[in-house]
Every structure is written in structure tokens, then in C-alpha cells.
Amino acid sequence: MRDTDIEVVIVYQTTLPKGVEAASVSRFYGCIQDDSFIRHPQNEQAEGEPLE
């Protein structure tokens, strides 16, 4: 294929081992029953630059 323009497409994706299925995040909602497990307060985040 000399002197020819070509287009290359790269697909990047993770793969799971055979026999393993992807789990939905909603499947884990409410799975921690420990009342001491909390999300601590977070600091204010700086205003970011707008996306164009």
C-alpha cells in the first residue's frame, strides 16, 4: 500500500475474564449496613474553566 492514505481506528476497551459478568453499580446500593460508615464533609472545589 505504497503512496496511499489510510485511516486507522483504535478501539480501547477493557475485557473481563471468561465467566465474569459486569455488575451494575445499583446492585451494590445499600449493601453497607454499618451506621458508622459515612461520607465526610468535602472542601469547596475551585471553579473550573468551561468546556468548549
N, C-alpha and C. Protein backbone atom coordinates (compact mmCIF):
# COMPACT_ATOMS: atom_id res chain seq x y z
N MET A 1 0.83 -1.18 0.00
CA MET A 1 0.00 0.00 0.00
C MET A 1 0.88 1.25 0.00
N ARG A 2 1.71 1.34 -0.93
CA ARG A 2 2.60 2.50 -1.03
C ARG A 2 1.85 3.69 -1.59
N ASP A 3 2.23 4.87 -1.12
CA ASP A 3 1.66 6.13 -1.60
C ASP A 3 0.14 6.16 -1.52
N THR A 4 -0.39 5.61 -0.43
CA THR A 4 -1.83 5.57 -0.22
C THR A 4 -2.15 6.06 1.19
N ASP A 5 -3.14 6.93 1.30
CA ASP A 5 -3.59 7.35 2.63
C ASP A 5 -4.47 6.26 3.22
N ILE A 6 -4.26 5.99 4.48
CA ILE A 6 -5.12 5.01 5.15
C ILE A 6 -5.66 5.64 6.44
N GLU A 7 -6.78 5.15 6.89
CA GLU A 7 -7.38 5.59 8.15
C GLU A 7 -7.30 4.43 9.12
N VAL A 8 -6.82 4.71 10.33
CA VAL A 8 -6.68 3.69 11.36
C VAL A 8 -7.63 4.03 12.50
N VAL A 9 -8.39 3.05 12.95
CA VAL A 9 -9.29 3.23 14.09
C VAL A 9 -8.82 2.30 15.21
N ILE A 10 -8.59 2.89 16.38
CA ILE A 10 -8.17 2.10 17.54
C ILE A 10 -9.32 2.08 18.53
N VAL A 11 -9.71 0.90 18.95
CA VAL A 11 -10.77 0.76 19.95
C VAL A 11 -10.11 0.25 21.22
N TYR A 12 -10.26 1.04 22.29
CA TYR A 12 -9.68 0.68 23.57
C TYR A 12 -10.81 0.31 24.51
N GLN A 13 -10.82 -0.91 24.99
CA GLN A 13 -11.85 -1.33 25.93
C GLN A 13 -11.30 -2.41 26.84
N THR A 14 -11.82 -2.46 28.05
CA THR A 14 -11.38 -3.49 28.97
C THR A 14 -12.15 -4.77 28.69
N THR A 15 -11.59 -5.86 29.04
CA THR A 15 -12.26 -7.13 28.87
C THR A 15 -12.29 -7.84 30.23
N LEU A 16 -13.34 -8.60 30.45
CA LEU A 16 -13.47 -9.36 31.68
C LEU A 16 -13.06 -10.80 31.41
N PRO A 17 -12.49 -11.45 32.42
CA PRO A 17 -12.15 -12.87 32.25
C PRO A 17 -13.42 -13.67 31.95
N LYS A 18 -13.26 -14.78 31.29
CA LYS A 18 -14.40 -15.64 30.95
C LYS A 18 -15.13 -16.05 32.23
N GLY A 19 -16.44 -16.02 32.18
CA GLY A 19 -17.25 -16.40 33.34
C GLY A 19 -17.54 -15.26 34.30
N VAL A 20 -16.95 -14.10 34.08
CA VAL A 20 -17.19 -12.94 34.94
C VAL A 20 -18.08 -11.97 34.19
N GLU A 21 -19.15 -11.56 34.83
CA GLU A 21 -20.05 -10.60 34.19
C GLU A 21 -19.95 -9.25 34.88
N ALA A 22 -20.19 -8.19 34.14
CA ALA A 22 -20.14 -6.85 34.71
C ALA A 22 -21.33 -6.66 35.64
N ALA A 23 -21.08 -6.05 36.80
CA ALA A 23 -22.15 -5.82 37.77
C ALA A 23 -22.57 -4.36 37.72
N SER A 24 -23.84 -4.12 37.79
CA SER A 24 -24.36 -2.77 37.81
C SER A 24 -24.09 -2.15 39.18
N VAL A 25 -23.75 -0.84 39.20
CA VAL A 25 -23.49 -0.15 40.45
C VAL A 25 -24.73 -0.18 41.34
N SER A 26 -25.91 -0.10 40.73
CA SER A 26 -27.14 -0.11 41.53
C SER A 26 -27.31 -1.41 42.31
N ARG A 27 -26.66 -2.44 41.87
CA ARG A 27 -26.72 -3.73 42.57
C ARG A 27 -26.11 -3.63 43.97
N PHE A 28 -25.17 -2.70 44.15
CA PHE A 28 -24.48 -2.57 45.42
C PHE A 28 -25.07 -1.48 46.31
N TYR A 29 -26.05 -0.74 45.83
CA TYR A 29 -26.65 0.34 46.60
C TYR A 29 -27.26 -0.23 47.89
N GLY A 30 -26.86 0.36 49.03
CA GLY A 30 -27.41 -0.06 50.32
C GLY A 30 -26.79 -1.31 50.89
N CYS A 31 -25.68 -1.79 50.32
CA CYS A 31 -25.10 -3.05 50.79
C CYS A 31 -24.33 -2.89 52.11
N ILE A 32 -23.94 -1.66 52.49
CA ILE A 32 -23.22 -1.45 53.75
C ILE A 32 -24.25 -1.08 54.81
N GLN A 33 -24.38 -1.92 55.80
CA GLN A 33 -25.39 -1.73 56.83
C GLN A 33 -24.82 -1.10 58.11
N ASP A 34 -23.55 -0.70 58.10
CA ASP A 34 -22.88 -0.11 59.26
C ASP A 34 -23.20 1.38 59.33
N ASP A 35 -23.88 1.82 60.42
CA ASP A 35 -24.25 3.22 60.57
C ASP A 35 -23.06 4.15 60.73
N SER A 36 -21.89 3.63 61.10
CA SER A 36 -20.71 4.48 61.27
C SER A 36 -20.02 4.78 59.93
N PHE A 37 -20.48 4.15 58.87
CA PHE A 37 -19.91 4.37 57.55
C PHE A 37 -20.58 5.59 56.94
N ILE A 38 -19.86 6.72 56.90
CA ILE A 38 -20.42 7.97 56.41
C ILE A 38 -19.47 8.62 55.41
N ARG A 39 -20.00 9.53 54.66
CA ARG A 39 -19.17 10.34 53.76
C ARG A 39 -18.87 11.63 54.50
N HIS A 40 -17.61 11.87 54.75
CA HIS A 40 -17.19 13.06 55.48
C HIS A 40 -17.37 14.31 54.62
N PRO A 41 -17.56 15.48 55.28
CA PRO A 41 -17.71 16.73 54.51
C PRO A 41 -16.52 16.96 53.58
N GLN A 42 -16.80 17.52 52.42
CA GLN A 42 -15.78 17.77 51.41
C GLN A 42 -15.49 19.27 51.33
N ASN A 43 -14.26 19.63 50.98
CA ASN A 43 -13.89 21.03 50.79
C ASN A 43 -14.53 21.58 49.53
N GLU A 44 -14.69 22.91 49.48
CA GLU A 44 -15.20 23.56 48.27
C GLU A 44 -14.20 23.35 47.14
N GLN A 45 -14.70 23.08 45.96
CA GLN A 45 -13.83 22.91 44.79
C GLN A 45 -13.72 24.22 44.04
N ALA A 46 -12.55 24.48 43.50
CA ALA A 46 -12.34 25.69 42.71
C ALA A 46 -13.16 25.62 41.44
N GLU A 47 -13.62 26.76 40.97
CA GLU A 47 -14.38 26.84 39.73
C GLU A 47 -13.46 26.47 38.57
N GLY A 48 -13.85 25.53 37.75
CA GLY A 48 -13.04 25.11 36.61
C GLY A 48 -13.32 25.95 35.38
N GLU A 49 -12.47 25.80 34.40
CA GLU A 49 -12.67 26.50 33.13
C GLU A 49 -13.80 25.82 32.37
N PRO A 50 -14.67 26.59 31.72
CA PRO A 50 -15.78 25.99 30.98
C PRO A 50 -15.28 25.18 29.78
N LEU A 51 -15.98 24.11 29.48
CA LEU A 51 -15.65 23.32 28.31
C LEU A 51 -16.20 23.98 27.07
N GLU A 52 -15.50 23.87 25.99
CA GLU A 52 -15.97 24.48 24.74
C GLU A 52 -16.60 23.46 23.85
